[in-house]
Each structure stands twice: as C-alpha cells, then as structure tokens.
Protein backbone atom coordinates (compact mmCIF):
# COMPACT_ATOMS: atom_id res chain seq x y z
CA UNK A 1 0.00 0.00 0.00
CA UNK A 2 2.98 2.32 0.63
CA UNK A 3 4.36 1.57 -2.85
CA UNK A 4 0.97 2.20 -4.46
CA UNK A 5 0.61 5.39 -2.45
CA UNK A 6 4.04 6.63 -3.59
CA UNK A 7 3.05 5.97 -7.19
CA UNK A 8 -0.21 7.76 -6.69
CA UNK A 9 -2.54 4.85 -7.18
CA UNK A 10 -4.16 4.90 -3.73
CA UNK A 11 -5.11 7.60 -1.28
CA UNK A 12 -3.46 8.29 2.08
CA UNK A 13 -6.62 7.09 3.82
CA UNK A 14 -6.13 3.67 2.27
CA UNK A 15 -2.62 3.53 3.73
CA UNK A 16 -3.91 4.43 7.21
CA UNK A 17 -6.62 1.80 6.92
CA UNK A 18 -4.06 -0.79 5.94
CA UNK A 19 -1.86 0.15 8.93
CA UNK A 20 -4.82 -0.13 11.28
CA UNK A 21 -5.79 -3.51 9.81
CA UNK A 22 -2.20 -4.66 10.24
CA UNK A 23 -2.25 -3.71 13.97
CA UNK A 24 -5.55 -5.51 14.49
CA UNK A 25 -4.19 -8.61 12.80
CA UNK A 26 -1.06 -8.48 14.95
CA UNK A 27 -3.20 -8.26 18.13
CA UNK A 28 -5.30 -11.16 16.93
CA UNK A 29 -2.14 -13.18 16.41
CA UNK A 30 -1.08 -12.49 20.01
CA UNK A 31 -4.51 -13.53 21.28
CA UNK A 32 -4.31 -16.69 19.22
CA UNK A 33 -0.84 -17.44 20.66
CA UNK A 34 -2.30 -17.04 24.17
CA UNK A 35 -5.14 -19.41 23.34
CA UNK A 36 -2.67 -21.94 22.01
CA UNK A 37 -0.63 -21.79 25.23
CA UNK A 38 -3.80 -22.12 27.34
CA UNK A 39 -4.89 -25.10 25.28
CA UNK A 40 -1.51 -26.74 25.75
CA UNK A 41 -1.74 -26.15 29.56
CA UNK A 42 -5.25 -27.63 29.57
CA UNK A 43 -3.93 -30.59 27.63
CA UNK A 44 -1.17 -31.17 30.24
CA UNK A 45 -3.69 -30.82 33.11
CA UNK A 46 -6.05 -33.28 31.41
CA UNK A 47 -3.22 -35.78 30.99
CA UNK A 48 -2.37 -35.43 34.70
CA UNK A 49 -6.01 -35.93 35.68
CA UNK A 50 -6.20 -38.97 33.44
CA UNK A 51 -3.14 -40.45 35.11
CA UNK A 52 -4.56 -39.71 38.59
CA UNK A 53 -7.85 -41.35 37.59
CA UNK A 54 -6.01 -44.40 36.31
CA UNK A 55 -4.05 -44.59 39.61
CA UNK A 56 -7.28 -44.27 41.62
CA UNK A 57 -8.88 -46.97 39.51
CA UNK A 58 -5.98 -49.30 40.25
CA UNK A 59 -6.19 -48.53 43.99
CA UNK A 60 -9.97 -49.10 44.02
CA UNK A 61 -9.57 -52.43 42.23
CA UNK A 62 -6.91 -53.61 44.68
CA UNK A 63 -8.90 -52.40 47.69
CA UNK A 64 -12.07 -54.06 46.40
CA UNK A 65 -10.24 -57.32 45.91
CA UNK A 66 -8.81 -57.16 49.42
CA UNK A 67 -12.21 -56.33 50.95
CA UNK A 68 -13.83 -59.23 49.12
CA UNK A 69 -11.24 -61.61 50.45
CA UNK A 70 -11.67 -60.24 53.99
CA UNK A 71 -15.45 -60.58 53.72
CA UNK A 72 -15.10 -64.19 52.59
CA UNK A 73 -12.89 -64.88 55.61
CA UNK A 74 -15.50 -63.28 57.91
CA UNK A 75 -18.19 -65.47 56.37
CA UNK A 76 -16.09 -68.52 57.11
CA UNK A 77 -15.57 -67.40 60.71
CA UNK A 78 -19.28 -66.66 61.14
CA UNK A 79 -20.17 -70.11 59.85
CA UNK A 80 -17.70 -71.65 62.30
CA UNK A 81 -19.16 -69.58 65.18
CA UNK A 82 -22.65 -70.64 64.18
CA UNK A 83 -21.66 -74.26 64.28
CA UNK A 84 -20.07 -73.72 67.73
CA UNK A 85 -23.18 -71.96 69.02
CA UNK A 86 -25.41 -74.73 67.72
CA UNK A 87 -23.24 -77.23 69.55
CA UNK A 88 -23.50 -75.30 72.88
CA UNK A 89 -27.27 -74.68 72.84
CA UNK A 90 -27.72 -77.63 75.13
CA UNK A 91 -25.56 -75.87 77.74
CA UNK A 92 -27.76 -72.68 77.88
CA UNK A 93 -29.20 -73.34 81.43
CA UNK A 94 -25.70 -73.72 82.84
CA UNK A 95 -24.62 -70.48 81.15
CA UNK A 96 -27.63 -68.66 82.57
CA UNK A 97 -26.81 -69.80 86.09
CA UNK A 98 -23.19 -68.74 85.65
CA UNK A 99 -24.33 -65.37 84.29
CA UNK A 100 -26.57 -64.81 87.34
CA UNK A 101 -23.69 -65.71 89.67
CA UNK A 102 -21.37 -63.32 87.84
CA UNK A 103 -24.02 -60.54 88.04
CA UNK A 104 -24.35 -61.08 91.79
CA UNK A 105 -20.58 -60.80 92.17
CA UNK A 106 -20.63 -57.56 90.15
CA UNK A 107 -23.41 -56.16 92.36
CA UNK A 108 -21.48 -57.04 95.51
CA UNK A 109 -18.36 -55.38 94.12
CA UNK A 110 -20.38 -52.22 93.32
CA UNK A 111 -21.70 -52.17 96.87
CA UNK A 112 -18.17 -52.39 98.25
CA UNK A 113 -17.09 -49.62 95.87
CA UNK A 114 -19.92 -47.33 96.98
CA UNK A 115 -19.07 -47.94 100.62
CA UNK A 116 -15.39 -47.20 100.00
CA UNK A 117 -16.28 -43.99 98.11
CA UNK A 118 -18.55 -42.89 100.97
CA UNK A 119 -15.77 -43.47 103.50
CA UNK A 120 -13.35 -41.59 101.26
CA UNK A 121 -15.80 -38.68 100.98
CA UNK A 122 -16.03 -38.58 104.79
CA UNK A 123 -12.30 -37.83 104.86
CA UNK A 124 -12.96 -34.42 103.23
CA UNK A 125 -14.45 -31.85 105.63
CA UNK A 126 -16.64 -29.40 103.71
CA UNK A 127 -18.19 -26.33 105.33
CA UNK A 128 -21.59 -25.03 104.30
CA UNK A 129 -20.37 -21.41 104.71
CA UNK A 130 -17.32 -19.41 103.67
CA UNK A 131 -15.10 -18.33 106.51
CA UNK A 132 -11.97 -18.94 108.54
CA UNK A 133 -11.16 -21.82 110.89
CA UNK A 134 -11.00 -20.50 114.44
CA UNK A 135 -10.72 -23.77 116.39
CA UNK A 136 -9.70 -27.37 115.69
CA UNK A 137 -11.06 -29.96 118.11
CA UNK A 138 -9.40 -33.06 116.64
CA UNK A 139 -6.01 -33.95 115.20
CA UNK A 140 -5.25 -35.84 112.00
CA UNK A 141 -5.61 -39.59 112.57
CA UNK A 142 -7.93 -39.25 115.57
CA UNK A 143 -10.97 -41.50 115.85
CA UNK A 144 -14.08 -39.52 116.78
CA UNK A 145 -17.72 -40.33 117.32
CA UNK A 146 -20.55 -39.22 115.09
CA UNK A 147 -21.82 -35.74 115.90
CA UNK A 148 -18.54 -34.58 117.44
CA UNK A 149 -17.45 -31.04 116.55
CA UNK A 150 -14.17 -31.15 114.62
CA UNK A 151 -13.70 -27.57 113.39
CA UNK A 152 -15.26 -24.20 114.14
CA UNK A 153 -15.73 -21.86 111.18
CA UNK A 154 -16.16 -18.11 111.61
CA UNK A 155 -18.22 -16.32 108.93
CA UNK A 156 -16.69 -12.86 108.55
CA UNK A 157 -18.59 -11.11 105.72
CA UNK A 158 -21.02 -9.78 108.30
CA UNK A 159 -21.27 -10.28 112.05
CA UNK A 160 -23.83 -10.00 114.82
CA UNK A 161 -23.16 -7.80 117.83
CA UNK A 162 -25.12 -9.20 120.77
CA UNK A 163 -26.13 -6.96 123.66
CA UNK A 164 -28.32 -7.52 126.72
CA UNK A 165 -31.51 -5.47 127.07
CA UNK A 166 -33.23 -5.21 130.50
CA UNK A 167 -36.82 -6.34 130.58
CA UNK A 168 -38.12 -2.84 131.36
CA UNK A 169 -36.73 -1.57 128.04
CA UNK A 170 -38.14 -4.28 125.78
CA UNK A 171 -41.18 -2.14 125.02
CA UNK A 172 -38.91 0.69 123.83
CA UNK A 173 -36.05 -1.16 122.16
CA UNK A 174 -37.47 -3.10 119.20
CA UNK A 175 -36.40 -4.17 115.75
CA UNK A 176 -35.23 -1.11 113.84
CA UNK A 177 -34.13 0.87 116.92
CA UNK A 178 -31.03 2.89 115.90
CA UNK A 179 -27.79 2.17 117.72
CA UNK A 180 -24.24 3.49 117.71
CA UNK A 181 -21.23 1.34 118.49
CA UNK A 182 -17.65 1.90 119.53
CA UNK A 183 -14.89 -0.69 119.79
CA UNK A 184 -11.92 -0.76 122.15
CA UNK A 185 -9.86 -2.19 119.30
CA UNK A 186 -10.82 0.71 116.98
CA UNK A 187 -10.41 3.86 119.09
CA UNK A 188 -11.85 7.10 117.80
CA UNK A 189 -14.26 5.40 115.39
CA UNK A 190 -18.04 5.23 115.73
CA UNK A 191 -20.32 2.91 113.78
CA UNK A 192 -24.06 3.01 113.37
CA UNK A 193 -26.70 0.34 112.80
CA UNK A 194 -30.14 -0.85 113.81
CA UNK A 195 -31.47 -3.67 115.95
CA UNK A 196 -32.02 -6.54 113.53
CA UNK A 197 -33.30 -9.14 116.00
CA UNK A 198 -34.61 -9.20 119.58
CA UNK A 199 -35.17 -12.45 121.45
CA UNK A 200 -38.68 -13.24 122.61
CA UNK A 201 -37.59 -15.04 125.79
CA UNK A 202 -35.54 -13.53 128.61
CA UNK A 203 -32.50 -15.25 130.04
CA UNK A 204 -33.71 -17.06 133.20
CA UNK A 205 -30.64 -15.97 135.19
CA UNK A 206 -30.16 -12.32 134.23
CA UNK A 207 -33.80 -11.63 133.24
CA UNK A 208 -32.52 -9.75 130.22
CA UNK A 209 -33.30 -10.09 126.54
CA UNK A 210 -30.73 -10.52 123.81
CA UNK A 211 -30.61 -7.91 121.03
CA UNK A 212 -28.62 -8.45 117.84
CA UNK A 213 -27.21 -5.76 115.57
CA UNK A 214 -25.99 -6.85 112.16
CA UNK A 215 -22.62 -5.31 111.27
CA UNK A 216 -21.33 -5.45 107.71
CA UNK A 217 -17.69 -6.58 107.55
CA UNK A 218 -16.73 -6.64 103.88
CA UNK A 219 -13.28 -5.20 104.61
CA UNK A 220 -12.60 -7.62 107.49
CA UNK A 221 -12.17 -4.86 110.05
CA UNK A 222 -14.09 -6.70 112.78
CA UNK A 223 -13.30 -10.08 114.37
CA UNK A 224 -15.49 -12.46 116.36
CA UNK A 225 -14.99 -12.04 120.09
CA UNK A 226 -14.25 -8.28 119.99
CA UNK A 227 -15.92 -6.12 122.66
CA UNK A 228 -18.17 -3.26 121.62
CA UNK A 229 -20.05 -0.57 123.49
CA UNK A 230 -23.58 -0.46 122.09
CA UNK A 231 -25.69 2.65 122.67
CA UNK A 232 -29.44 2.42 122.10
CA UNK A 233 -31.22 5.68 121.39
CA UNK A 234 -34.55 5.29 123.17
CA UNK A 235 -35.64 8.92 123.58
CA UNK A 236 -34.43 12.49 123.24
CA UNK A 237 -35.24 15.51 125.41
CA UNK A 238 -34.02 19.09 125.30
CA UNK A 239 -33.24 21.28 128.31
CA UNK A 240 -32.16 24.95 128.48
CA UNK A 241 -29.43 24.52 131.11
CA UNK A 242 -27.37 21.43 131.99
CA UNK A 243 -24.32 21.37 134.31
CA UNK A 244 -21.93 18.63 135.45
CA UNK A 245 -22.98 16.81 138.62
CA UNK A 246 -19.83 18.03 140.39
CA UNK A 247 -21.04 21.61 140.10
CA UNK A 248 -24.14 20.99 142.27
CA UNK A 249 -23.75 20.85 146.05
CA UNK A 250 -26.32 20.23 148.81
CA UNK A 251 -26.41 22.76 151.64
CA UNK A 252 -27.12 21.95 155.32
CA UNK A 253 -30.75 22.98 154.91
CA UNK A 254 -31.15 20.55 151.96
CA UNK A 255 -31.08 23.14 149.17
CA UNK A 256 -29.16 22.53 145.97
CA UNK A 257 -26.52 25.17 145.31
CA UNK A 258 -23.93 26.00 142.71
CA UNK A 259 -20.98 28.33 142.89
CA UNK A 260 -21.50 30.99 140.23
CA UNK A 261 -18.44 32.88 138.96
CA UNK A 262 -19.01 36.42 137.67
CA UNK A 263 -16.98 38.34 135.11
CA UNK A 264 -14.56 39.47 137.85
CA UNK A 265 -13.89 35.86 138.86
CA UNK A 266 -15.78 36.36 142.14
CA UNK A 267 -17.67 33.32 143.43
CA UNK A 268 -21.35 33.56 144.43
CA UNK A 269 -23.14 30.62 146.02
CA UNK A 270 -26.68 30.55 144.61
CA UNK A 271 -29.62 28.26 145.25
CA UNK A 272 -30.85 26.40 142.13
CA UNK A 273 -33.73 24.15 141.27
CA UNK A 274 -32.66 20.85 139.73
CA UNK A 275 -34.49 18.57 137.33
CA UNK A 276 -33.64 15.28 135.69
CA UNK A 277 -30.13 13.94 136.04
CA UNK A 278 -27.92 11.05 135.04
CA UNK A 279 -24.49 9.88 136.10
CA UNK A 280 -22.77 12.90 134.54
CA UNK A 281 -25.17 15.86 134.41
CA UNK A 282 -27.98 17.63 136.22
CA UNK A 283 -30.68 19.75 134.63
CA UNK A 284 -31.03 23.24 136.18
CA UNK A 285 -34.59 24.55 135.84
CA UNK A 286 -34.12 27.76 137.89
CA UNK A 287 -31.22 29.79 139.28
CA UNK A 288 -28.90 29.81 136.25
CA UNK A 289 -29.12 31.27 132.80
CA UNK A 290 -27.35 30.77 129.51
CA UNK A 291 -23.68 31.74 129.58
CA UNK A 292 -23.21 31.53 133.36
CA UNK A 293 -19.98 30.02 134.64
CA UNK A 294 -19.91 27.63 137.60
CA UNK A 295 -17.19 25.98 139.67
CA UNK A 296 -16.91 22.33 138.80
CA UNK A 297 -13.94 21.31 140.96
CA UNK A 298 -11.76 23.02 143.57
CA UNK A 299 -9.05 21.84 145.92
CA UNK A 300 -10.71 23.53 148.88
CA UNK A 301 -14.25 24.69 149.53
CA UNK A 302 -15.04 27.97 147.77
CA UNK A 303 -16.71 30.58 150.01
CA UNK A 304 -19.28 33.08 148.90
CA UNK A 305 -17.76 36.23 147.29
CA UNK A 306 -14.32 34.66 147.25
CA UNK A 307 -11.94 35.47 144.42
CA UNK A 308 -11.21 32.34 142.39
CA UNK A 309 -8.46 31.54 139.94
CA UNK A 310 -8.95 29.16 137.08
CA UNK A 311 -6.86 26.15 138.01
CA UNK A 312 -5.92 24.98 134.53
CA UNK A 313 -4.11 28.20 133.60
CA UNK A 314 -0.33 27.85 133.56
CA UNK A 315 1.24 29.37 136.67
CA UNK A 316 -2.11 30.09 138.34
CA UNK A 317 -1.68 30.03 142.08
CA UNK A 318 -3.76 31.35 144.96
CA UNK A 319 -4.26 31.21 148.67
CA UNK A 320 -7.19 28.85 148.32
CA UNK A 321 -5.88 26.92 145.33
CA UNK A 322 -7.30 26.81 141.84
CA UNK A 323 -10.87 26.07 140.83
CA UNK A 324 -12.12 24.50 137.64
CA UNK A 325 -14.63 26.84 136.04
CA UNK A 326 -17.04 25.73 133.34
CA UNK A 327 -19.82 27.61 131.55
CA UNK A 328 -23.30 26.18 131.61
CA UNK A 329 -23.36 26.40 127.84
CA UNK A 330 -21.34 24.75 125.10
CA UNK A 331 -22.66 21.30 125.89
CA UNK A 332 -21.85 18.18 123.95
CA UNK A 333 -23.29 14.68 123.78
CA UNK A 334 -21.63 11.83 125.69
CA UNK A 335 -22.62 8.25 126.45
CA UNK A 336 -23.62 6.73 129.75
CA UNK A 337 -23.89 3.01 130.48
CA UNK A 338 -25.17 3.13 134.04
CA UNK A 339 -26.39 -0.26 135.34
CA UNK A 340 -25.59 -1.78 131.97
CA UNK A 341 -28.26 0.40 130.26
CA UNK A 342 -26.67 2.29 127.34
CA UNK A 343 -27.91 5.90 127.15
CA UNK A 344 -26.86 9.24 125.79
CA UNK A 345 -26.68 12.38 127.91
CA UNK A 346 -25.22 15.85 127.70
CA UNK A 347 -22.31 17.40 129.54
CA UNK A 348 -20.41 20.64 129.49
CA UNK A 349 -17.16 20.87 127.62
CA UNK A 350 -15.19 20.73 130.89
CA UNK A 351 -13.30 23.09 133.16
CA UNK A 352 -11.12 24.49 130.39
CA UNK A 353 -14.09 26.02 128.55
CA UNK A 354 -14.62 29.46 130.11
CA UNK A 355 -16.12 31.29 127.14
CA UNK A 356 -19.79 32.18 127.46
CA UNK A 357 -22.20 30.64 125.05
CA UNK A 358 -25.77 29.54 124.52
CA UNK A 359 -26.68 27.01 127.18
CA UNK A 360 -28.53 23.98 125.87
CA UNK A 361 -28.45 20.27 126.28
CA UNK A 362 -30.02 17.00 125.29
CA UNK A 363 -30.66 13.79 127.12
CA UNK A 364 -31.29 10.51 125.35
C-alpha cells in the first residue's frame, strides 16, 4: 500500500486503513498465541487428571479385591461360630446360672465400691459457709464419734453484735431501733446500725433479753470475740441549762446550790432548782441562765464572794488553790452506760471552757 501510495494509485486514507488492519491482525495473532498456550496447559492438566484417575482406579480395584477376600474370611468365621453356638445350645441353662452368679458378684463389688467412696468422701471436711477456721477440736488420725465437733468456722462477711436489754426496756427497744457502736480495738471510730433481732424469751438468770445488731464486715475490720459498746437511742429531750454533777452541792438545809463565777472571777453561792439527772449531768430549771460560769472542781471549799483563779491556767496560784470553772453552755453529747443500760446524755465541755455561750443540752 505504501508503494501504491508513492506511485499515486491509492489515497493516504487507504494507507492508514491498511496500517490499522495490520495492527488488528497483529493483536489477533497475540490472542491466538495465548489461546494456544492455554490449550496446551489444559492438555497437560487433562493428561495429569487422566493419570490420577487411572491410579485411583488401580487402587480401588486392589482395595475391592482385598475387601472381598476379607469378607469371605468373615463369612467362614461366622459359619464356624454358628456351628459352635449350635453345639452349645444344650448348655444354655448352665450359662444362665453362671451369668446370674457373675451378676451377683458384680453387684457385691459395686456395693463395696460405693461404701469405699462414701468413706473416702467422709475424709474431706466441707463447710456449708465461707469463713476462717477458728478452732480445731481433733487432730489428724484421731478417731471420733458421730456428731462430734471437729472444726469451728467463723463467717466474717457480716457479724452480729449481741447486747443484753433489761426487761423494762423491751417495750422501747425493738427491731429497727437505731444504735451506735464503739470498739476498744478501733479507738476514735463510731459505727451506726439498727437492731435486727430481739429475742422473745428472757435469760432465766439475768432476766434480760438478747438484742442483735448486724454489722457489715466486707473489709474484714471486725473479728469475732471483739468487745463493743452499744448505745441504744430510746428517747431524746431538750433542756435549756445542763451542768456537770460536780457543780451541784447540797447545803445543810437541803437546798441545791452551785458556785457561780461572775466576770470578775468572784464566786457567788446561789440556790438552784434541779431537774432530771444522770451519772454525769444535772438539769437546772431555775437559778442559772445561759452563759453563766460555775465551779466544777476546787481543791478547797469555795466561800461566797471569794476570788477564784482558774486552776488549769499555767502558773495560776492562789491562797485557796485553783478552781475548775465551766460555763453552763457549750454542751456536747456523751454516752452513759449506768447499770448496763446504754444511754446518751449531755455534759459541758469541761473546766477548760470558760467562754460564754448559749446554754442547751439534750438527754437521750
């Protein structure tokens, strides 16, 4: 086409068409070469599959022949067993008796096995609760009787605090009564709870009822056998003026008096009217007012209109010694366990508190 184009017999378009046709033909040749290679690969794969099939056929034939021979041998053995069984049919009653005897021996052996397993299980002591062993009552190898206590287990996730309640308080202290507890082993800490159980029958000796307070012990802070002071809140009353018992004296004519200290530290013996009291405090219903200071303790008797010196001040000295002065205010709550009956009461802050303040108090 190039030669014809150079001679002017064909157009340039014909040359371009011829070039394009040549490129298409070349691509077709490459595709055909690829198909030829693929066909050759398929031919090789088919030959390999044919060989594998021929090998499998040979294996199957050999295996089948072997299985047939084995089956024939089994048939011969079955025929021999059948002949043997037919010859021993007459001995069936004897076999049945022997089988029964063997079964009885097996049952006896199972019974002995069960007994041995039960005895072995008895060697493992299993507790029905989680806890710690606090006491061992028998040593390894000891022979003990049935029902004998071997170990004591203490359950520590929560504990019961048991406290005695006098019979006269059983109508006041009931389930749900709030309590506070302190422990000698945990000084400075106070714990709260409620009465979770109260016995219905009094102890015949002490004539007291047993109250239980459940105490959670997830952190293991408490141990069985620890002593606790349990305070039952049975009532609460408020009073305007409460003083320590030591501040109240009884005169010769039977009147109750206190020694009042004025702002000039001059003592004045005044007659007061007292109300309820406990082991630590006395309620003053008349004769004192809020903020008054009274003498709680002195080394010698304080006379009326005598000058007093506060005894707890450093270097304080006087002809008549020092006197402990306490205001009737600034009260705080303390606990009283008189006669084994836990209570709460109120007391002044002590002889070192001389500042005036609002006098108030509570008694539980």
